[in-house]
Amino acid sequence: MLQALKGYNAARFARDVGAGVTVGIVALPLAMAFAIASGLKPEVGIFTAVVGGLIVSLLGGSSVQIGGPAGAFIVVVADIVQRYGVSNLIIATFAAGILLFIMGTLRLGTLIRLIPVSIVTGFTNGIALLIAFSQIRDFLGLQLDPVPSAFIPKLQALWNAGPSTNLTALALGVAGLLLLIVWPKTGAGAHAHAISSPGADALQATTAHTRSHFRRGLSLVPAPVVLLVISGWAVHTLQLPVDTIGSRFGGIPQEWPPLHWPDIAWDSLKNLWGPIITIALLGAIESLLCARVADNLVHERHDTNQELMAQGLANMAVPVFGGMPVTGTIARTATNIRAGARANCRQTPCWLCADCLLSPDAAGSPYSLCHISGGPYGGGLGDDL
């Protein structure tokens, strides 16, 4: 953190403030989507993004990395919740944080970086497939509860529940998926149109240039944010018969949860070694992979072991607030860099404020679209690869 402040000036502060607000807007729908897809309440994702992101930003080994809930953890967390319950997820996350901190203290970060990229890619692609199938129930609005955790029984249950499809939810899901795919491409299309007619007169050229800048400016607004705003407005205005975050969870709390120290007992801990090791290793791999990508974008070199220790502290802190596992997130880190950030310790308060101010307005968003916002096209895969 102190190294990032060397040579700091007003211009860099202004860029970091803008980047902080941008990251806050991006992180809000993704954090809720990852929590919902993991079988948790949406506020769990928000608390995790705020607390975990603050610690990673202030203490991490990268000056630009953003920490928080990530798509790679969806399948892992959902499985732990179904098998062991939320209370044991909190214990496993806390213990994984201790393990991550020990790994950083023992300087094991270099060994983790030796894992072949092909293995990481295959693993994350497999997770993306499982995430897609986990979203089918809400995408179609099926009346199916609970959904089997095993893959084959899940497919059978989804097939049998097919007649209960909610056509309104399906139409919203298809429209939302198309928006997530098309929206990021609007900027490139605008630029191509602007340069395609060099023979146009001055007025036409000026008009085309203005339209191009406007479309490219719109494309900078994250697609999940656009999706949640438009869909929330449509559901509220047209009174569409679909589940929303508010109807499913009773809204989003307006205050912080009471602090609760994880009740760690050996009887619980001895059955959680598998989940603990899984969370720790996946968190280490994801965070260091993200940090390497960030290094290439800002031409810096992160401190591997410091990053692991910061991730460990973050995963020890979020369970006190009832949160879920934290790791580095590539899509939000890339957004942070593209927005001009160079020192997380200065822009962190801005995105924390953005999350806290915007989260109450998300309660009217359709539940199914919050699911796909965290999927392969909404940011889940972008955060993991």
Protein backbone atom coordinates (compact mmCIF):
# COMPACT_ATOMS: atom_id res chain seq x y z
CA MET A 1 0.00 0.00 0.00
CA LEU A 2 2.79 2.45 0.89
CA GLN A 3 4.61 1.67 -2.37
CA ALA A 4 1.46 2.50 -4.34
CA LEU A 5 1.37 5.98 -2.76
CA LYS A 6 4.86 6.96 -3.92
CA GLY A 7 4.58 9.84 -6.39
CA TYR A 8 0.83 10.07 -5.84
CA ASN A 9 -0.77 13.31 -7.08
CA ALA A 10 -4.15 14.96 -7.71
CA ALA A 11 -4.45 13.63 -11.28
CA ARG A 12 -3.96 10.04 -10.15
CA PHE A 13 -6.42 10.63 -7.31
CA ALA A 14 -9.09 11.82 -9.78
CA ARG A 15 -8.59 8.72 -11.96
CA ASP A 16 -8.77 6.45 -8.93
CA VAL A 17 -12.01 8.07 -7.73
CA GLY A 18 -13.62 7.52 -11.14
CA ALA A 19 -12.37 3.96 -11.25
CA GLY A 20 -13.70 3.34 -7.74
CA VAL A 21 -17.22 4.40 -8.65
CA THR A 22 -17.10 2.33 -11.86
CA VAL A 23 -15.95 -0.80 -10.05
CA GLY A 24 -18.64 -0.34 -7.40
CA ILE A 25 -21.35 -0.25 -10.07
CA VAL A 26 -19.93 -3.33 -11.78
CA ALA A 27 -19.40 -5.28 -8.56
CA LEU A 28 -22.93 -4.85 -7.19
CA PRO A 29 -24.92 -7.02 -9.65
CA LEU A 30 -22.13 -9.58 -9.93
CA ALA A 31 -21.81 -9.96 -6.16
CA MET A 32 -25.54 -10.52 -5.78
CA ALA A 33 -25.64 -12.88 -8.75
CA PHE A 34 -22.80 -15.04 -7.43
CA ALA A 35 -24.44 -15.28 -4.00
CA ILE A 36 -27.85 -16.18 -5.44
CA ALA A 37 -26.36 -18.77 -7.80
CA SER A 38 -24.52 -20.29 -4.83
CA GLY A 39 -27.75 -20.78 -2.89
CA LEU A 40 -27.22 -17.79 -0.58
CA LYS A 41 -29.06 -14.51 -0.04
CA PRO A 42 -28.05 -11.56 -2.27
CA GLU A 43 -26.82 -9.47 0.66
CA VAL A 44 -24.20 -12.14 1.39
CA GLY A 45 -22.53 -11.26 -1.91
CA ILE A 46 -22.68 -7.53 -1.14
CA PHE A 47 -21.14 -7.90 2.33
CA THR A 48 -18.44 -10.15 0.84
CA ALA A 49 -17.63 -7.69 -1.94
CA VAL A 50 -17.37 -4.77 0.50
CA VAL A 51 -15.42 -6.41 3.34
CA GLY A 52 -13.28 -8.78 1.26
CA GLY A 53 -12.65 -6.17 -1.43
CA LEU A 54 -11.53 -3.61 1.14
CA ILE A 55 -8.96 -5.94 2.70
CA VAL A 56 -7.58 -7.21 -0.62
CA SER A 57 -7.30 -3.67 -1.98
CA LEU A 58 -5.50 -2.29 1.07
CA LEU A 59 -3.20 -5.22 1.87
CA GLY A 60 -2.84 -7.20 -1.36
CA GLY A 61 0.32 -7.70 -3.38
CA SER A 62 -1.15 -6.05 -6.48
CA SER A 63 -1.85 -2.33 -6.67
CA VAL A 64 -4.91 -2.76 -8.90
CA GLN A 65 -6.48 -6.15 -8.09
CA ILE A 66 -10.12 -6.26 -6.98
CA GLY A 67 -11.21 -9.03 -4.63
CA GLY A 68 -14.69 -10.38 -3.99
CA PRO A 69 -17.02 -13.32 -4.71
CA ALA A 70 -16.26 -15.00 -8.03
CA GLY A 71 -17.98 -17.30 -10.49
CA ALA A 72 -15.45 -20.07 -9.97
CA PHE A 73 -16.79 -20.54 -6.44
CA ILE A 74 -20.46 -20.90 -7.40
CA VAL A 75 -20.46 -24.67 -7.84
CA VAL A 76 -18.14 -25.23 -4.86
CA VAL A 77 -20.14 -23.01 -2.47
CA ALA A 78 -23.50 -24.37 -3.65
CA ASP A 79 -22.32 -27.92 -3.01
CA ILE A 80 -21.02 -27.04 0.48
CA VAL A 81 -24.30 -25.29 1.35
CA GLN A 82 -26.36 -28.29 0.24
CA ARG A 83 -24.19 -30.87 1.96
CA TYR A 84 -23.08 -29.10 5.13
CA GLY A 85 -25.25 -25.98 5.52
CA VAL A 86 -24.45 -22.27 5.63
CA SER A 87 -22.97 -22.41 9.14
CA ASN A 88 -20.35 -24.92 8.02
CA LEU A 89 -19.64 -22.87 4.89
CA ILE A 90 -18.70 -20.00 7.21
CA ILE A 91 -16.39 -22.28 9.21
CA ALA A 92 -14.80 -23.67 6.02
CA THR A 93 -14.23 -20.16 4.64
CA PHE A 94 -12.60 -18.98 7.86
CA ALA A 95 -10.33 -22.06 8.03
CA ALA A 96 -9.43 -21.66 4.33
CA GLY A 97 -8.42 -18.08 5.11
CA ILE A 98 -6.04 -19.33 7.80
CA LEU A 99 -4.59 -21.83 5.31
CA LEU A 100 -4.12 -19.12 2.67
CA PHE A 101 -2.36 -16.87 5.16
CA ILE A 102 -0.03 -19.72 6.15
CA MET A 103 0.72 -20.43 2.49
CA GLY A 104 1.71 -16.81 1.98
CA THR A 105 3.79 -16.75 5.16
CA LEU A 106 5.67 -19.87 4.03
CA ARG A 107 6.20 -18.24 0.61
CA LEU A 108 4.39 -20.98 -1.32
CA GLY A 109 2.93 -18.58 -3.86
CA THR A 110 5.63 -19.35 -6.42
CA LEU A 111 4.72 -23.06 -6.37
CA ILE A 112 1.04 -22.33 -7.06
CA ARG A 113 2.00 -20.23 -10.06
CA LEU A 114 3.61 -23.33 -11.62
CA ILE A 115 0.21 -25.01 -12.17
CA PRO A 116 -0.25 -25.37 -15.98
CA VAL A 117 -2.65 -22.90 -17.58
CA SER A 118 -4.33 -25.78 -19.46
CA ILE A 119 -5.44 -27.32 -16.16
CA VAL A 120 -6.83 -24.01 -14.92
CA THR A 121 -8.64 -23.42 -18.24
CA GLY A 122 -10.17 -26.90 -18.29
CA PHE A 123 -11.27 -26.54 -14.68
CA THR A 124 -12.95 -23.17 -15.20
CA ASN A 125 -14.65 -24.30 -18.43
CA GLY A 126 -16.09 -27.27 -16.55
CA ILE A 127 -17.35 -24.92 -13.85
CA ALA A 128 -18.95 -22.70 -16.51
CA LEU A 129 -20.91 -25.71 -17.81
CA LEU A 130 -22.15 -26.59 -14.33
CA ILE A 131 -23.12 -22.97 -13.70
CA ALA A 132 -25.16 -22.91 -16.91
CA PHE A 133 -27.15 -26.00 -15.88
CA SER A 134 -27.69 -24.64 -12.37
CA GLN A 135 -29.46 -21.60 -13.87
CA ILE A 136 -31.97 -23.49 -16.03
CA ARG A 137 -34.66 -23.68 -13.32
CA ASP A 138 -34.86 -19.93 -12.79
CA PHE A 139 -34.24 -19.11 -16.47
CA LEU A 140 -37.39 -21.08 -17.36
CA GLY A 141 -39.28 -20.17 -14.19
CA LEU A 142 -39.79 -23.85 -13.34
CA GLN A 143 -41.73 -24.89 -10.23
CA LEU A 144 -39.04 -27.15 -8.81
CA ASP A 145 -37.82 -27.09 -5.24
CA PRO A 146 -35.40 -28.42 -4.18
CA VAL A 147 -33.15 -29.06 -7.17
CA PRO A 148 -30.99 -32.23 -6.85
CA SER A 149 -27.30 -31.45 -6.46
CA ALA A 150 -26.04 -34.43 -8.50
CA PHE A 151 -25.74 -33.70 -12.22
CA ILE A 152 -27.77 -36.54 -13.79
CA PRO A 153 -30.64 -36.41 -11.25
CA LYS A 154 -30.69 -32.62 -11.76
CA LEU A 155 -31.20 -33.05 -15.52
CA GLN A 156 -34.00 -35.57 -14.91
CA ALA A 157 -35.73 -33.27 -12.43
CA LEU A 158 -35.49 -30.29 -14.80
CA TRP A 159 -36.95 -32.36 -17.64
CA ASN A 160 -39.86 -33.56 -15.49
CA ALA A 161 -40.59 -29.97 -14.40
CA GLY A 162 -40.71 -28.73 -18.00
CA PRO A 163 -44.54 -28.33 -18.14
CA SER A 164 -44.36 -25.70 -15.36
CA THR A 165 -42.31 -23.30 -17.52
CA ASN A 166 -43.16 -19.62 -16.96
CA LEU A 167 -43.25 -18.11 -20.46
CA THR A 168 -42.82 -14.58 -19.12
CA ALA A 169 -39.68 -15.57 -17.22
CA LEU A 170 -38.41 -17.38 -20.32
CA ALA A 171 -39.00 -14.32 -22.53
CA LEU A 172 -37.21 -12.08 -20.01
CA GLY A 173 -34.34 -14.55 -19.80
CA VAL A 174 -33.88 -14.74 -23.57
CA ALA A 175 -34.04 -10.96 -23.93
CA GLY A 176 -31.60 -10.52 -21.05
CA LEU A 177 -29.17 -13.05 -22.48
CA LEU A 178 -29.23 -11.32 -25.87
CA LEU A 179 -28.58 -7.98 -24.16
CA LEU A 180 -25.57 -9.39 -22.29
CA ILE A 181 -24.12 -10.67 -25.57
CA VAL A 182 -24.88 -7.67 -27.80
CA TRP A 183 -24.35 -4.71 -25.44
CA PRO A 184 -20.51 -4.93 -25.19
CA LYS A 185 -20.29 -4.96 -29.01
CA THR A 186 -22.12 -1.67 -29.53
CA GLY A 187 -18.95 0.39 -29.08
CA ALA A 188 -16.99 -1.55 -31.72
CA GLY A 189 -19.93 -1.27 -34.14
CA ALA A 190 -20.16 2.47 -33.61
CA HIS A 191 -16.45 2.94 -34.29
CA ALA A 192 -16.64 0.88 -37.50
CA HIS A 193 -19.65 2.90 -38.73
CA ALA A 194 -17.93 6.19 -37.96
CA ILE A 195 -14.90 5.41 -40.13
CA SER A 196 -16.77 3.63 -42.93
CA SER A 197 -17.86 6.73 -44.88
CA PRO A 198 -14.91 9.08 -45.39
CA GLY A 199 -16.63 10.83 -48.31
CA ALA A 200 -19.48 12.27 -46.27
CA ASP A 201 -19.87 16.05 -45.93
CA ALA A 202 -18.85 17.91 -42.78
CA LEU A 203 -22.33 17.93 -41.18
CA GLN A 204 -22.84 14.22 -41.79
CA ALA A 205 -19.35 13.47 -40.52
CA THR A 206 -19.93 15.49 -37.35
CA THR A 207 -23.29 13.80 -36.72
CA ALA A 208 -21.79 10.35 -37.29
CA HIS A 209 -18.87 11.20 -35.01
CA THR A 210 -21.23 12.38 -32.24
CA ARG A 211 -23.38 9.26 -32.54
CA SER A 212 -20.28 7.11 -32.49
CA HIS A 213 -19.03 8.70 -29.27
CA PHE A 214 -22.48 8.38 -27.70
CA ARG A 215 -22.75 4.68 -28.57
CA ARG A 216 -19.22 3.99 -27.42
CA GLY A 217 -19.97 5.82 -24.17
CA LEU A 218 -23.05 3.65 -23.62
CA SER A 219 -21.00 0.52 -24.26
CA LEU A 220 -18.77 1.45 -21.31
CA VAL A 221 -21.72 0.94 -18.95
CA PRO A 222 -21.47 -2.70 -17.78
CA ALA A 223 -24.03 -5.00 -19.40
CA PRO A 224 -25.22 -6.55 -16.09
CA VAL A 225 -26.00 -3.08 -14.73
CA VAL A 226 -28.00 -2.19 -17.86
CA LEU A 227 -29.82 -5.51 -17.66
CA LEU A 228 -30.85 -5.14 -14.02
CA VAL A 229 -32.00 -1.52 -14.47
CA ILE A 230 -34.09 -2.20 -17.59
CA SER A 231 -35.56 -5.46 -16.32
CA GLY A 232 -36.40 -3.96 -12.92
CA TRP A 233 -38.21 -1.08 -14.64
CA ALA A 234 -40.09 -3.48 -16.95
CA VAL A 235 -41.23 -5.75 -14.13
CA HIS A 236 -42.37 -2.82 -12.00
CA THR A 237 -44.12 -0.91 -14.82
CA LEU A 238 -45.76 -3.86 -16.58
CA GLN A 239 -46.41 -5.85 -13.38
CA LEU A 240 -44.90 -8.97 -14.92
CA PRO A 241 -45.63 -12.25 -13.07
CA VAL A 242 -42.05 -13.24 -12.27
CA ASP A 243 -40.03 -13.65 -9.09
CA THR A 244 -37.83 -10.72 -8.10
CA ILE A 245 -35.06 -10.44 -5.53
CA GLY A 246 -37.52 -8.66 -3.27
CA SER A 247 -40.27 -11.29 -3.58
CA ARG A 248 -37.85 -14.19 -3.18
CA PHE A 249 -35.75 -12.80 -0.30
CA GLY A 250 -37.93 -10.05 1.16
CA GLY A 251 -35.72 -7.25 -0.15
CA ILE A 252 -32.13 -6.32 0.62
CA PRO A 253 -31.24 -5.29 4.20
CA GLN A 254 -30.50 -1.60 4.76
CA GLU A 255 -28.04 -2.24 7.56
CA TRP A 256 -24.98 -4.33 8.31
CA PRO A 257 -25.47 -7.75 9.91
CA PRO A 258 -24.44 -8.28 13.54
CA LEU A 259 -20.90 -9.55 13.91
CA HIS A 260 -20.75 -13.25 14.67
CA TRP A 261 -17.56 -15.16 15.37
CA PRO A 262 -17.58 -18.57 13.61
CA ASP A 263 -18.33 -21.39 16.03
CA ILE A 264 -15.31 -23.56 15.23
CA ALA A 265 -15.48 -26.97 16.89
CA TRP A 266 -13.43 -30.04 16.10
CA ASP A 267 -16.56 -32.13 15.51
CA SER A 268 -17.49 -29.81 12.64
CA LEU A 269 -13.96 -29.10 11.44
CA LYS A 270 -12.92 -32.72 10.97
CA ASN A 271 -15.65 -33.23 8.34
CA LEU A 272 -14.76 -30.08 6.39
CA TRP A 273 -11.17 -30.69 5.33
CA GLY A 274 -12.22 -31.31 1.73
CA PRO A 275 -14.16 -28.02 1.38
CA ILE A 276 -11.44 -26.11 3.29
CA ILE A 277 -8.65 -27.28 0.99
CA THR A 278 -10.83 -26.73 -2.09
CA ILE A 279 -11.64 -23.14 -1.12
CA ALA A 280 -8.02 -22.37 -0.24
CA LEU A 281 -6.47 -23.81 -3.40
CA LEU A 282 -9.12 -22.40 -5.72
CA GLY A 283 -8.84 -19.00 -4.07
CA ALA A 284 -5.04 -19.04 -4.36
CA ILE A 285 -5.08 -20.09 -8.02
CA GLU A 286 -7.75 -17.58 -9.01
CA SER A 287 -6.18 -14.65 -7.17
CA LEU A 288 -2.65 -15.27 -8.49
CA LEU A 289 -3.94 -15.84 -12.02
CA CYS A 290 -5.83 -12.56 -11.81
CA ALA A 291 -2.76 -10.76 -10.45
CA ARG A 292 -0.66 -12.04 -13.37
CA VAL A 293 -3.22 -10.74 -15.85
CA ALA A 294 -3.20 -7.37 -14.06
CA ASP A 295 0.62 -7.28 -14.21
CA ASN A 296 0.47 -7.57 -17.99
CA LEU A 297 -2.05 -4.74 -18.22
CA VAL A 298 -0.23 -2.22 -15.99
CA HIS A 299 3.35 -3.45 -16.58
CA GLU A 300 4.02 -4.10 -12.91
CA ARG A 301 4.92 -7.17 -10.86
CA HIS A 302 2.80 -8.19 -7.90
CA ASP A 303 4.04 -9.71 -4.65
CA THR A 304 2.71 -13.28 -4.78
CA ASN A 305 3.04 -14.12 -1.11
CA GLN A 306 1.65 -10.80 0.10
CA GLU A 307 -1.35 -11.38 -2.15
CA LEU A 308 -1.94 -14.81 -0.59
CA MET A 309 -1.74 -13.37 2.92
CA ALA A 310 -4.23 -10.62 2.01
CA GLN A 311 -6.59 -13.17 0.52
CA GLY A 312 -6.24 -15.18 3.72
CA LEU A 313 -7.10 -12.20 5.91
CA ALA A 314 -10.08 -11.38 3.68
CA ASN A 315 -11.43 -14.92 3.95
CA MET A 316 -10.99 -14.81 7.72
CA ALA A 317 -12.88 -11.50 7.93
CA VAL A 318 -15.92 -12.12 5.71
CA PRO A 319 -17.31 -15.05 7.78
CA VAL A 320 -17.67 -12.67 10.73
CA PHE A 321 -20.21 -10.80 8.55
CA GLY A 322 -21.79 -14.02 7.26
CA GLY A 323 -20.00 -13.75 3.91
CA MET A 324 -18.79 -16.25 1.31
CA PRO A 325 -15.28 -17.02 -0.05
CA VAL A 326 -13.20 -14.20 -1.54
CA THR A 327 -10.68 -14.31 -4.37
CA GLY A 328 -9.23 -12.10 -7.09
CA THR A 329 -11.67 -11.27 -9.90
CA ILE A 330 -10.32 -10.74 -13.40
CA ALA A 331 -13.27 -8.92 -14.98
CA ARG A 332 -13.58 -6.38 -12.15
CA THR A 333 -9.80 -5.93 -12.01
CA ALA A 334 -9.69 -5.30 -15.76
CA THR A 335 -12.56 -2.80 -15.40
CA ASN A 336 -10.61 -1.10 -12.62
CA ILE A 337 -7.53 -0.78 -14.83
CA ARG A 338 -9.45 0.39 -17.91
CA ALA A 339 -11.10 3.08 -15.76
CA GLY A 340 -7.65 4.46 -14.95
CA ALA A 341 -6.96 3.13 -11.44
CA ARG A 342 -3.39 2.71 -10.24
CA ALA A 343 -3.77 2.62 -6.42
CA ASN A 344 -6.58 0.58 -4.89
CA CYS A 345 -6.03 2.03 -1.42
CA ARG A 346 -7.27 5.41 -2.68
CA GLN A 347 -10.24 4.34 -4.84
CA THR A 348 -11.58 1.61 -2.55
CA PRO A 349 -13.83 3.94 -0.46
CA CYS A 350 -15.52 5.13 -3.67
CA TRP A 351 -16.64 1.71 -4.85
CA LEU A 352 -17.63 0.76 -1.30
CA CYS A 353 -19.94 3.78 -1.20
CA ALA A 354 -21.34 2.96 -4.66
CA ASP A 355 -22.24 -0.56 -3.54
CA CYS A 356 -23.88 0.59 -0.30
CA LEU A 357 -25.92 3.32 -2.03
CA LEU A 358 -27.10 1.25 -5.00
CA SER A 359 -27.86 -2.10 -3.34
CA PRO A 360 -31.36 -1.19 -2.01
CA ASP A 361 -32.52 -0.35 -5.56
CA ALA A 362 -31.74 -3.87 -6.79
CA ALA A 363 -34.62 -5.54 -4.91
CA GLY A 364 -37.01 -5.12 -7.86
CA SER A 365 -34.75 -6.90 -10.35
CA PRO A 366 -36.02 -10.22 -11.76
CA TYR A 367 -34.54 -13.18 -9.92
CA SER A 368 -33.80 -15.16 -13.10
CA LEU A 369 -31.85 -12.27 -14.66
CA CYS A 370 -29.70 -11.90 -11.55
CA HIS A 371 -28.79 -15.53 -12.11
CA ILE A 372 -27.62 -15.06 -15.70
CA SER A 373 -25.81 -11.82 -14.76
CA GLY A 374 -23.40 -14.05 -12.87
CA GLY A 375 -23.18 -16.65 -15.61
CA PRO A 376 -20.80 -17.05 -18.57
CA TYR A 377 -22.13 -14.01 -20.48
CA GLY A 378 -22.82 -11.79 -17.48
CA GLY A 379 -19.39 -11.87 -15.89
CA GLY A 380 -19.03 -15.27 -14.28
CA LEU A 381 -16.68 -16.60 -16.90
CA GLY A 382 -15.04 -13.24 -17.36
CA ASP A 383 -14.05 -13.28 -13.73
CA ASP A 384 -12.63 -16.77 -13.89
CA LEU A 385 -10.58 -17.10 -17.05
